[in-house]
Protein backbone atom coordinates (compact mmCIF):
# COMPACT_ATOMS: atom_id res chain seq x y z
CA MET A 1 -17.98 96.19 171.92
CA PHE A 2 -19.06 96.08 168.02
CA PRO A 3 -22.04 96.89 169.39
CA GLU A 4 -21.27 99.81 171.76
CA ILE A 5 -19.41 101.29 168.78
CA LYS A 6 -22.38 100.79 166.46
CA LYS A 7 -24.61 103.05 168.87
CA ILE A 8 -22.40 106.23 168.60
CA PHE A 9 -21.21 105.81 165.29
CA SER A 10 -22.48 108.40 163.99
CA LEU A 11 -21.05 111.03 167.28
CA LEU A 12 -17.20 109.46 166.60
CA LEU A 13 -17.65 110.56 163.24
CA SER A 14 -18.77 114.00 164.01
CA VAL A 15 -15.90 114.59 166.01
CA ALA A 16 -12.96 112.77 163.40
CA PHE A 17 -14.63 115.50 160.76
CA SER A 18 -15.17 118.67 163.43
CA SER A 19 -11.95 118.26 165.39
CA ILE A 20 -10.40 118.35 161.64
CA GLY A 21 -11.69 121.75 160.97
CA PHE A 22 -11.35 123.17 164.34
CA ILE A 23 -7.58 121.79 165.09
CA ALA A 24 -6.44 122.96 161.78
CA ALA A 25 -8.31 126.31 162.94
CA ILE A 26 -6.81 127.67 165.66
CA THR A 27 -3.01 125.69 163.88
CA VAL A 28 -3.68 129.27 162.15
CA ALA A 29 -5.19 131.62 165.09
CA ALA A 30 -2.88 133.47 166.35
CA LEU A 31 -1.15 133.99 162.66
CA ALA A 32 -4.10 135.27 161.16
CA VAL A 33 -3.84 138.71 163.69
CA ARG A 34 -0.94 139.05 162.39
CA GLU A 35 -2.16 139.14 159.16
CA VAL A 36 -5.52 141.59 159.57
CA SER A 37 -3.71 143.70 162.22
CA SER A 38 -0.82 145.55 163.43
CA ASN A 39 -1.73 145.41 167.57
CA PRO A 40 0.55 142.46 168.64
CA TYR A 41 -2.10 142.99 172.22
CA LEU A 42 -4.62 141.09 169.86
CA VAL A 43 -2.99 138.01 169.58
CA GLY A 44 -4.71 136.09 171.37
CA PHE A 45 -8.42 137.83 170.83
CA PRO A 46 -9.21 135.29 168.74
CA ASN A 47 -8.47 132.61 170.13
CA ALA A 48 -10.31 133.83 173.35
CA LEU A 49 -13.40 135.35 170.90
CA GLY A 50 -14.39 131.11 170.08
CA VAL A 51 -14.21 130.10 173.94
CA GLY A 52 -16.68 132.16 174.07
CA GLY A 53 -17.88 130.99 171.06
CA ALA A 54 -17.48 127.41 173.12
CA PHE A 55 -19.31 128.41 176.11
CA VAL A 56 -22.79 130.04 174.34
CA GLY A 57 -22.86 127.23 172.56
CA THR A 58 -22.65 124.64 175.52
CA GLN A 59 -26.22 126.60 176.60
CA ILE A 60 -27.32 126.36 173.12
CA PHE A 61 -27.15 122.53 173.39
CA ASP A 62 -28.59 122.12 176.84
CA TYR A 63 -31.51 124.63 176.04
CA PHE A 64 -32.16 122.51 172.79
CA SER A 65 -31.25 119.13 174.16
CA LYS A 66 -33.68 119.27 176.33
CA LYS A 67 -36.14 120.74 174.89
CA TYR A 68 -35.43 118.70 171.69
CA SER A 69 -32.82 115.71 172.15
CA ARG A 70 -29.32 116.09 171.41
CA LEU A 71 -28.68 115.09 168.58
CA THR A 72 -30.38 117.97 167.67
CA ALA A 73 -28.73 120.05 170.20
CA LEU A 74 -25.57 118.47 168.04
CA GLY A 75 -26.48 118.55 164.55
CA ASN A 76 -27.11 122.37 164.88
CA THR A 77 -24.43 123.81 167.04
CA PHE A 78 -21.61 122.32 164.41
CA PHE A 79 -23.89 123.95 161.67
CA VAL A 80 -23.34 127.06 163.56
CA GLY A 81 -19.47 126.23 163.71
CA GLY A 82 -19.29 125.77 160.22
CA PHE A 83 -21.48 129.27 158.98
CA GLY A 84 -18.69 130.90 161.27
CA GLY A 85 -15.77 128.85 159.33
CA ALA A 86 -17.25 131.23 156.34
CA ILE A 87 -17.39 133.98 157.95
CA LEU A 88 -13.58 133.27 158.46
CA ILE A 89 -12.44 133.02 155.63
CA THR A 90 -14.52 136.39 155.06
CA SER A 91 -11.95 138.11 157.36
CA LEU A 92 -8.45 137.17 155.40
CA LEU A 93 -10.76 138.30 152.08
CA THR A 94 -11.12 141.33 153.13
CA ASP A 95 -8.26 141.81 156.20
CA SER A 96 -10.94 142.53 158.86
CA PHE A 97 -10.48 142.48 162.12
CA SER A 98 -13.92 142.10 163.69
CA LEU A 99 -15.21 140.41 161.62
CA LEU A 100 -12.13 137.64 162.92
CA LEU A 101 -13.45 138.26 165.59
CA LEU A 102 -16.66 136.77 164.82
CA GLY A 103 -16.18 134.37 162.52
CA SER A 104 -14.34 132.74 166.06
CA PHE A 105 -16.20 133.51 168.61
CA THR A 106 -18.96 131.18 166.29
CA LEU A 107 -16.84 128.79 164.80
CA GLY A 108 -16.70 128.93 168.88
CA ILE A 109 -20.06 127.81 168.66
CA GLY A 110 -19.61 124.89 166.81
CA GLN A 111 -16.91 123.51 169.01
CA SER A 112 -19.41 122.95 172.38
CA ALA A 113 -20.10 120.03 170.08
CA THR A 114 -17.59 118.35 169.67
CA LEU A 115 -16.69 118.95 173.32
CA GLN A 116 -20.84 117.61 174.44
CA THR A 117 -19.82 114.37 172.29
CA ARG A 118 -17.75 112.80 174.65
CA TYR A 119 -20.96 113.67 177.72
CA ALA A 120 -23.17 112.25 175.00
CA ALA A 121 -21.56 108.96 174.49
CA SER A 122 -21.22 108.25 177.33
CA PHE A 123 -25.05 108.22 178.22
CA ILE A 124 -25.99 106.39 175.42
CA ALA A 125 -23.85 104.09 176.44
CA SER A 126 -23.86 100.51 178.71
CA GLU A 127 -22.95 100.93 182.11
CA ASN A 128 -20.00 98.76 181.98
CA TYR A 129 -18.90 101.17 179.29
CA LYS A 130 -19.58 105.01 180.06
CA ALA A 131 -15.60 105.87 180.43
CA THR A 132 -14.85 103.36 177.15
CA ALA A 133 -18.23 105.74 175.15
CA LEU A 134 -16.33 108.65 177.13
CA SER A 135 -12.43 108.10 175.31
CA LEU A 136 -13.06 106.85 172.28
CA ALA A 137 -14.86 109.93 171.51
CA VAL A 138 -12.39 111.96 172.31
CA TRP A 139 -9.84 109.78 170.75
CA PHE A 140 -11.64 110.76 167.31
CA SER A 141 -9.67 113.81 167.67
CA VAL A 142 -6.78 112.54 166.89
CA PHE A 143 -7.81 112.22 162.85
CA GLY A 144 -7.55 116.15 163.83
CA SER A 145 -4.52 115.99 165.11
CA ILE A 146 -3.46 114.34 162.81
CA PHE A 147 -5.09 116.16 159.65
CA GLY A 148 -5.47 119.26 160.95
CA PRO A 149 -2.27 120.83 161.18
CA ARG A 150 -0.38 119.04 158.08
CA LEU A 151 -4.11 119.87 156.15
CA VAL A 152 -2.89 122.97 156.39
CA GLY A 153 1.18 122.84 155.98
CA GLU A 154 0.55 120.97 153.08
CA TYR A 155 -1.73 123.71 151.04
CA SER A 156 -0.72 126.67 152.10
CA GLU A 157 1.57 127.69 149.18
CA LEU A 158 -1.29 126.81 147.42
CA PHE A 159 -3.84 129.00 149.20
CA GLN A 160 -0.78 131.21 149.21
CA LYS A 161 -0.99 131.65 145.23
CA THR A 162 -5.12 131.52 144.94
CA PHE A 163 -6.30 133.64 148.07
CA ASN A 164 -3.13 135.72 148.67
CA SER A 165 -3.93 133.61 151.82
CA GLU A 166 -1.19 131.06 153.24
CA LEU A 167 -3.32 131.29 156.20
CA ILE A 168 -6.90 131.42 155.02
CA VAL A 169 -6.31 126.84 154.15
CA GLY A 170 -7.32 126.33 157.80
CA TYR A 171 -10.52 128.22 156.92
CA PHE A 172 -11.67 126.08 154.57
CA ILE A 173 -10.61 122.82 155.71
CA ALA A 174 -12.35 123.83 159.27
CA THR A 175 -16.35 124.81 157.61
CA ALA A 176 -16.17 121.25 155.66
CA GLY A 177 -15.80 119.80 159.10
CA MET A 178 -18.25 121.25 160.67
CA VAL A 179 -20.92 120.87 157.78
CA LEU A 180 -19.84 117.71 157.44
CA ALA A 181 -19.64 116.32 161.24
CA GLY A 182 -23.33 117.89 161.72
CA LEU A 183 -24.50 115.66 158.66
CA SER A 184 -22.80 112.85 160.96
CA ILE A 185 -25.33 113.36 163.42
CA TYR A 186 -28.35 114.20 160.87
CA PHE A 187 -27.73 111.11 158.87
CA LEU A 188 -26.47 108.05 160.28
CA SER A 189 -27.25 107.60 163.48
CA GLU A 190 -29.51 105.24 164.50
CA LYS A 191 -32.73 104.90 164.40
CA GLU A 192 -33.79 104.62 167.90
CA SER A 193 -31.40 106.26 168.97
CA LYS A 194 -32.08 107.54 172.81
CA LEU A 195 -29.77 110.91 171.27
CA LYS A 196 -33.75 111.66 170.09
CA GLU A 197 -35.22 112.09 173.35
CA PRO A 198 -35.01 114.74 175.21
CA ALA A 199 -32.49 115.84 177.24
CA ASN A 200 -33.65 114.50 181.36
CA VAL A 201 -30.96 116.95 183.79
CA GLU A 202 -33.09 119.03 185.03
CA LYS A 203 -33.66 118.02 187.95
CA THR A 204 -31.43 119.80 190.37
CA ASN A 205 -31.50 122.35 192.79
CA LYS A 206 -28.77 123.89 195.06
CA LYS A 207 -28.08 122.65 197.08
CA ILE A 208 -26.38 119.34 194.79
CA SER A 209 -24.75 121.78 192.58
CA LEU A 210 -22.84 123.17 195.14
CA ASP A 211 -21.78 119.87 196.40
CA SER A 212 -18.16 120.29 197.89
CA ASP A 213 -17.16 116.36 195.30
CA ALA A 214 -18.56 118.63 191.56
CA LYS A 215 -16.67 122.11 193.25
CA LEU A 216 -13.27 119.74 193.66
CA LEU A 217 -13.95 117.69 190.18
CA THR A 218 -14.67 121.10 187.85
CA LYS A 219 -11.56 122.94 190.11
CA ILE A 220 -8.88 120.36 188.83
CA LEU A 221 -10.92 120.29 184.37
CA VAL A 222 -10.46 123.76 184.63
CA LEU A 223 -6.78 123.19 186.10
CA ASN A 224 -6.39 121.42 183.36
CA HIS A 225 -6.78 122.11 180.56
CA PHE A 226 -5.89 126.32 181.42
CA VAL A 227 -1.92 124.55 182.09
CA MET A 228 -2.46 123.27 178.37
CA VAL A 229 -3.62 126.26 176.54
CA VAL A 230 -1.09 128.69 178.29
CA ILE A 231 1.62 126.74 176.54
CA MET A 232 -0.27 125.94 173.00
CA SER A 233 -1.39 128.96 172.50
CA ALA A 234 2.14 130.51 172.87
CA THR A 235 3.95 128.11 170.62
CA PRO A 236 2.84 129.14 167.53
CA LEU A 237 3.40 133.23 167.97
CA HIS A 238 7.31 131.49 169.49
CA ILE A 239 8.25 129.26 167.23
CA GLN A 240 7.20 132.24 164.35
CA ASP A 241 9.57 134.08 166.66
CA ILE A 242 12.44 132.35 165.62
CA GLY A 243 12.51 131.79 161.95
CA GLU A 244 11.29 129.23 161.52
CA THR A 245 7.50 128.23 159.48
CA ILE A 246 4.73 126.94 159.15
CA LYS A 247 4.71 124.11 158.09
CA LEU A 248 6.59 123.44 161.66
CA VAL A 249 3.67 124.95 163.55
CA GLY A 250 1.67 122.21 161.67
CA ALA A 251 3.88 119.99 162.59
CA ILE A 252 4.40 121.02 165.62
CA ILE A 253 1.18 121.64 167.04
CA SER A 254 0.45 118.14 165.31
CA TYR A 255 2.16 116.16 167.72
CA HIS A 256 0.32 117.58 170.87
CA THR A 257 -3.18 117.30 169.30
CA LEU A 258 -2.06 113.58 168.91
CA GLY A 259 -1.09 113.52 173.08
CA MET A 260 -4.20 114.53 173.53
CA PHE A 261 -6.36 112.15 172.59
CA LEU A 262 -4.01 108.82 171.10
CA PHE A 263 -4.22 107.41 174.03
CA SER A 264 -7.76 108.34 174.94
CA PRO A 265 -9.58 105.15 174.39
CA ILE A 266 -6.77 102.62 176.05
CA LEU A 267 -7.23 105.21 179.09
CA GLY A 268 -10.91 104.88 178.56
CA ASN A 269 -11.23 101.14 179.73
CA LEU A 270 -8.51 102.15 182.46
CA VAL A 271 -10.39 104.46 184.07
CA ASP A 272 -13.26 101.55 184.25
CA LYS A 273 -11.51 99.48 186.68
CA TYR A 274 -9.20 101.03 188.80
CA GLY A 275 -11.16 104.75 188.96
CA THR A 276 -10.43 108.61 187.89
CA LYS A 277 -7.71 109.32 190.61
CA LEU A 278 -4.33 106.69 189.20
CA PHE A 279 -4.47 108.85 185.60
CA ALA A 280 -5.41 111.45 187.32
CA SER A 281 -2.71 112.57 188.44
CA ILE A 282 -0.28 110.29 186.33
CA GLY A 283 -1.45 113.37 184.34
CA SER A 284 -0.40 115.52 186.15
CA PHE A 285 2.82 114.95 187.24
CA ILE A 286 2.78 114.76 182.88
CA LEU A 287 2.37 118.52 182.55
CA CYS A 288 4.53 119.02 184.81
CA LEU A 289 7.66 117.56 183.02
CA SER A 290 6.22 118.48 179.85
CA CYS A 291 7.20 122.38 181.59
CA ILE A 292 10.63 121.29 182.37
CA LEU A 293 11.35 120.32 178.50
CA SER A 294 9.00 123.07 177.05
CA LEU A 295 11.58 125.32 179.35
CA PHE A 296 14.26 124.10 176.27
CA ASN A 297 11.94 125.88 174.26
CA THR A 298 14.87 126.67 171.48
CA ASN A 299 15.57 123.07 170.84
CA ILE A 300 12.96 121.90 168.60
CA LEU A 301 13.48 118.23 169.42
CA PHE A 302 12.77 119.54 173.24
CA LEU A 303 9.78 121.67 171.74
CA LYS A 304 8.24 118.68 169.75
CA ILE A 305 8.79 116.19 173.28
CA GLY A 306 7.51 118.87 175.60
CA LEU A 307 4.68 119.52 173.49
CA TYR A 308 3.69 116.60 173.00
CA LEU A 309 4.13 115.97 176.42
CA LEU A 310 1.47 118.72 177.51
CA GLY A 311 -1.33 116.94 175.04
CA LEU A 312 -0.69 113.92 177.32
CA GLY A 313 -0.77 114.91 180.82
CA TRP A 314 -3.87 117.10 179.85
CA ASN A 315 -5.44 113.17 178.25
CA PHE A 316 -4.95 111.52 180.73
CA THR A 317 -5.85 114.16 183.52
CA PHE A 318 -9.04 114.41 181.64
CA ILE A 319 -10.17 111.34 180.13
CA ALA A 320 -10.08 110.70 184.18
CA ILE A 321 -12.37 113.69 185.31
CA SER A 322 -14.50 113.78 183.25
CA ALA A 323 -16.39 110.14 183.07
CA ALA A 324 -16.12 110.65 187.02
CA ILE A 325 -18.55 113.93 185.98
CA SER A 326 -20.89 111.90 183.77
CA LYS A 327 -21.04 109.60 186.09
CA TYR A 328 -21.87 112.79 188.69
CA SER A 329 -24.10 114.16 186.08
CA ILE A 330 -26.31 110.23 186.00
CA LYS A 331 -26.03 109.90 189.49
CA ASN A 332 -27.58 113.01 190.70
CA SER A 333 -29.64 114.30 187.91
CA ILE A 334 -27.19 117.76 186.88
CA ASN A 335 -25.98 118.64 184.39
CA LEU A 336 -22.52 119.43 185.71
CA ASN A 337 -21.31 118.52 181.65
CA ILE A 338 -22.40 121.57 180.88
CA ARG A 339 -21.45 124.09 184.33
CA SER A 340 -17.81 122.47 184.70
CA ASP A 341 -16.76 123.17 180.49
CA SER A 342 -18.91 126.76 180.99
CA MET A 343 -16.24 126.92 183.85
CA VAL A 344 -13.03 125.75 181.44
CA PHE A 345 -13.94 127.97 179.19
CA ALA A 346 -14.11 130.53 181.26
CA GLY A 347 -11.21 130.22 182.71
CA SER A 348 -9.43 129.95 179.10
CA SER A 349 -10.90 132.86 177.33
CA ILE A 350 -8.92 134.03 180.31
CA ALA A 351 -5.96 132.78 178.89
CA HIS A 352 -6.27 133.64 176.00
CA LEU A 353 -7.25 137.19 176.41
CA SER A 354 -3.62 137.77 177.87
CA LEU A 355 -2.25 136.06 175.24
CA GLY A 356 -1.35 138.84 173.64
CA PHE A 357 0.17 141.69 176.80
CA THR A 358 1.86 137.66 178.83
CA TYR A 359 3.56 136.64 175.73
CA ILE A 360 4.87 140.05 174.99
CA PHE A 361 6.07 140.79 179.35
CA LEU A 362 6.88 137.26 180.05
CA GLY A 363 7.98 135.99 177.13
CA TYR A 364 7.18 132.24 176.09
CA THR A 365 9.81 131.20 179.09
CA GLY A 366 7.85 133.25 181.88
CA LEU A 367 4.47 131.88 180.45
CA VAL A 368 5.31 127.55 180.73
CA ILE A 369 7.41 128.57 184.20
CA LEU A 370 4.27 130.10 184.68
CA ALA A 371 2.24 126.37 183.65
CA LEU A 372 4.45 125.19 185.75
CA PHE A 373 4.06 125.96 189.47
CA LEU A 374 0.23 125.73 188.09
CA SER A 375 0.37 122.55 187.23
CA ILE A 376 2.50 121.46 190.41
CA TYR A 377 -0.55 122.94 192.39
CA LEU A 378 -3.22 120.71 190.47
CA ILE A 379 -1.03 117.69 192.00
CA PHE A 380 -2.67 118.77 195.39
CA ASN A 381 -5.45 119.14 194.21
CA ILE A 382 -5.56 115.89 192.84
CA ARG A 383 -4.67 114.38 195.66
CA LYS A 384 -8.51 115.32 197.38
CA PHE A 385 -9.81 113.05 196.10
CA SER A 386 -8.41 110.08 199.08
CA LYS A 387 -12.11 112.26 200.87
CA LEU A 388 -14.04 112.08 196.88
CA THR A 389 -16.80 109.13 197.69
CA LEU A 390 -17.91 108.76 193.51
CA ILE A 391 -13.61 107.86 192.97
């Protein structure tokens, strides 16, 4: 197992750094809108632009990984994300909503590299460790879960005194995290790493791209992510509106993201052994439970447990389906990983863009009920796995 970890060490470290930065940024994103704009309908726009940036970043990554190498694509994309963090710092210093949107979009480009590391890790791992390597790459985001929101809460008062904004600390962390992630890729990858080879996934055709297996895997990945985003993105607004502080926002987002990443290595190993359907099903049921608990949203304990389970349920399904997509992509020489992530970004962008309207008209409870119905629909889609030859 150690030789496999050595192969992907630079990827793991890059995920740790970039996730610290990105999770710190999303902790303050919706609240930052309230700082620079008085329009309540715009609260979801920065995160939506961030998702749009991730979509564009995925296409850029795909192009550069084919033309040059996965290493070049990852490293440069992280550096672009770091530049986005610098723009976000400037947006709060100048109270500019336009710069906030631009910075969010650019930071999102960097986040696309964080997501693509899971497929890069799976690509260079040996056949029996592909899901394990993928899940390890996801697991290293736990560093972001622990340090990102906590650093925001810990140093918010210091940055308030220095820059007259307690939220700006999140964007300083984002800038540093993305730059360190890019440096890790360039300077810590093995000399003979397969990351330095151009990606060879161009042998594709329309028939394969429209395959029912690919459609089902993508649909489940999108639904799973959409349910998580609907609740997660509204939670900081809800916490502030019930009179709690930015420190509690950081703590609850930390619980949530710990659920998203903590058990990833164990799950990857189990998926390698027992297949996708079991763990995707467990994940969808946990999502349902998290929605039910989150209905009691004025109880802070229930809210913490609900958000933790929201991340955990997402993680079960995300690891299982991502592993299946990775195997599908390799087997069919098709970049389904790029295409499925692109659809995830599109769905997530819709959730964020509509946040201002849905939060005002449905409220937090209404959004949780919507997520509950979607998670039930997800369960019925996972049942179709009996017809899926890959699983």
